[in-house]
């Protein structure tokens, strides 16, 4: 009977670790998506007064971390493309590494 309980705990722990790792990975993907949508809207000259554009701009600002002003080319659009693009790649890499570590340590 005790072996069944230990086995059940192991399965439950593996599931919890899998869910946590998956959540971390999906969070990174969602953050990268917000950053990429912001870049697309800027590059496409979206109306700055539109609520959708404002939402993505407001959401992307804090998610870009210190990358939002890493490079400052004369062309503002190019700056958004490079800086927010680097931030999106950063989030994808960090969330993937974190998910792998969670799975390994779990």
Protein backbone atom coordinates (compact mmCIF):
# COMPACT_ATOMS: atom_id res chain seq x y z
CA UNK A 1 0.00 0.00 0.00
CA UNK A 2 2.84 2.40 0.79
CA UNK A 3 4.39 1.72 -2.61
CA UNK A 4 1.18 2.83 -4.31
CA UNK A 5 1.17 6.05 -2.30
CA UNK A 6 4.80 6.79 -3.22
CA UNK A 7 4.03 6.04 -6.86
CA UNK A 8 0.98 8.31 -6.78
CA UNK A 9 3.06 11.10 -5.25
CA UNK A 10 5.69 10.70 -7.94
CA UNK A 11 3.07 10.89 -10.68
CA UNK A 12 1.47 13.91 -9.03
CA UNK A 13 4.81 15.64 -8.68
CA UNK A 14 5.73 14.91 -12.31
CA UNK A 15 2.39 16.35 -13.42
CA UNK A 16 2.85 19.48 -11.30
CA UNK A 17 6.37 19.99 -12.64
CA UNK A 18 5.10 19.52 -16.20
CA UNK A 19 2.30 22.03 -15.68
CA UNK A 20 4.68 24.57 -14.14
CA UNK A 21 7.22 24.17 -16.95
CA UNK A 22 4.48 24.46 -19.56
CA UNK A 23 3.08 27.57 -17.89
CA UNK A 24 6.51 29.23 -17.87
CA UNK A 25 7.02 28.42 -21.55
CA UNK A 26 3.56 29.69 -22.53
CA UNK A 27 4.09 32.88 -20.51
CA UNK A 28 7.29 33.55 -22.44
CA UNK A 29 5.50 32.92 -25.73
CA UNK A 30 2.67 35.28 -24.76
CA UNK A 31 5.10 38.03 -23.75
CA UNK A 32 7.01 37.62 -27.03
CA UNK A 33 3.71 37.75 -28.93
CA UNK A 34 2.75 41.05 -27.29
CA UNK A 35 6.14 42.50 -28.20
CA UNK A 36 5.93 41.28 -31.80
CA UNK A 37 2.39 42.63 -32.24
CA UNK A 38 3.61 46.00 -30.98
CA UNK A 39 6.46 45.94 -33.51
CA UNK A 40 4.06 45.02 -36.33
CA UNK A 41 1.68 47.82 -35.39
CA UNK A 42 4.51 50.38 -35.28
CA UNK A 43 6.05 49.18 -38.54
CA UNK A 44 2.63 49.25 -40.20
CA UNK A 45 1.89 52.83 -39.11
CA UNK A 46 -1.10 51.82 -36.98
CA UNK A 47 -3.21 54.67 -35.66
CA UNK A 48 -1.62 55.65 -32.33
CA UNK A 49 -5.02 56.78 -30.99
CA UNK A 50 -6.62 53.38 -31.58
CA UNK A 51 -7.31 51.50 -28.31
CA UNK A 52 -5.82 48.26 -29.65
CA UNK A 53 -2.60 50.00 -30.61
CA UNK A 54 -2.54 51.74 -27.23
CA UNK A 55 -3.11 48.47 -25.41
CA UNK A 56 -0.19 46.73 -27.11
CA UNK A 57 2.06 49.77 -26.72
CA UNK A 58 1.23 49.96 -23.00
CA UNK A 59 1.69 46.24 -22.49
CA UNK A 60 4.94 46.08 -24.47
CA UNK A 61 6.67 48.95 -22.66
CA UNK A 62 7.33 47.17 -19.33
CA UNK A 63 7.88 43.79 -21.03
CA UNK A 64 10.74 45.18 -23.13
CA UNK A 65 12.73 45.71 -19.93
CA UNK A 66 16.07 47.47 -20.54
CA UNK A 67 15.98 46.51 -24.22
CA UNK A 68 13.49 49.25 -25.18
CA UNK A 69 16.25 51.82 -25.51
CA UNK A 70 19.26 49.58 -26.10
CA UNK A 71 19.87 51.01 -29.57
CA UNK A 72 18.82 54.48 -30.64
CA UNK A 73 18.99 54.79 -34.42
CA UNK A 74 17.69 57.93 -36.08
CA UNK A 75 14.73 56.01 -37.50
CA UNK A 76 12.29 55.49 -34.62
CA UNK A 77 10.66 52.52 -36.35
CA UNK A 78 14.00 50.79 -36.76
CA UNK A 79 14.65 51.34 -33.06
CA UNK A 80 11.33 49.70 -32.14
CA UNK A 81 11.99 46.81 -34.52
CA UNK A 82 15.47 46.09 -33.18
CA UNK A 83 14.94 46.79 -29.48
CA UNK A 84 11.55 45.14 -29.04
CA UNK A 85 12.60 42.32 -31.34
CA UNK A 86 15.61 41.60 -29.14
CA UNK A 87 13.33 41.69 -26.10
CA UNK A 88 10.99 39.14 -27.73
CA UNK A 89 13.90 36.80 -28.46
CA UNK A 90 15.15 37.29 -24.89
CA UNK A 91 11.78 36.20 -23.45
CA UNK A 92 11.62 33.17 -25.73
CA UNK A 93 15.11 32.04 -24.73
CA UNK A 94 14.66 32.72 -21.01
CA UNK A 95 11.30 30.97 -20.81
CA UNK A 96 12.63 27.95 -22.72
CA UNK A 97 15.69 27.66 -20.49
CA UNK A 98 13.58 28.13 -17.35
CA UNK A 99 11.10 25.46 -18.48
CA UNK A 100 13.94 23.00 -19.13
CA UNK A 101 15.47 23.72 -15.74
CA UNK A 102 12.13 23.21 -14.03
CA UNK A 103 11.68 19.87 -15.76
CA UNK A 104 15.23 18.78 -14.94
CA UNK A 105 15.11 19.83 -11.30
CA UNK A 106 11.58 18.53 -10.84
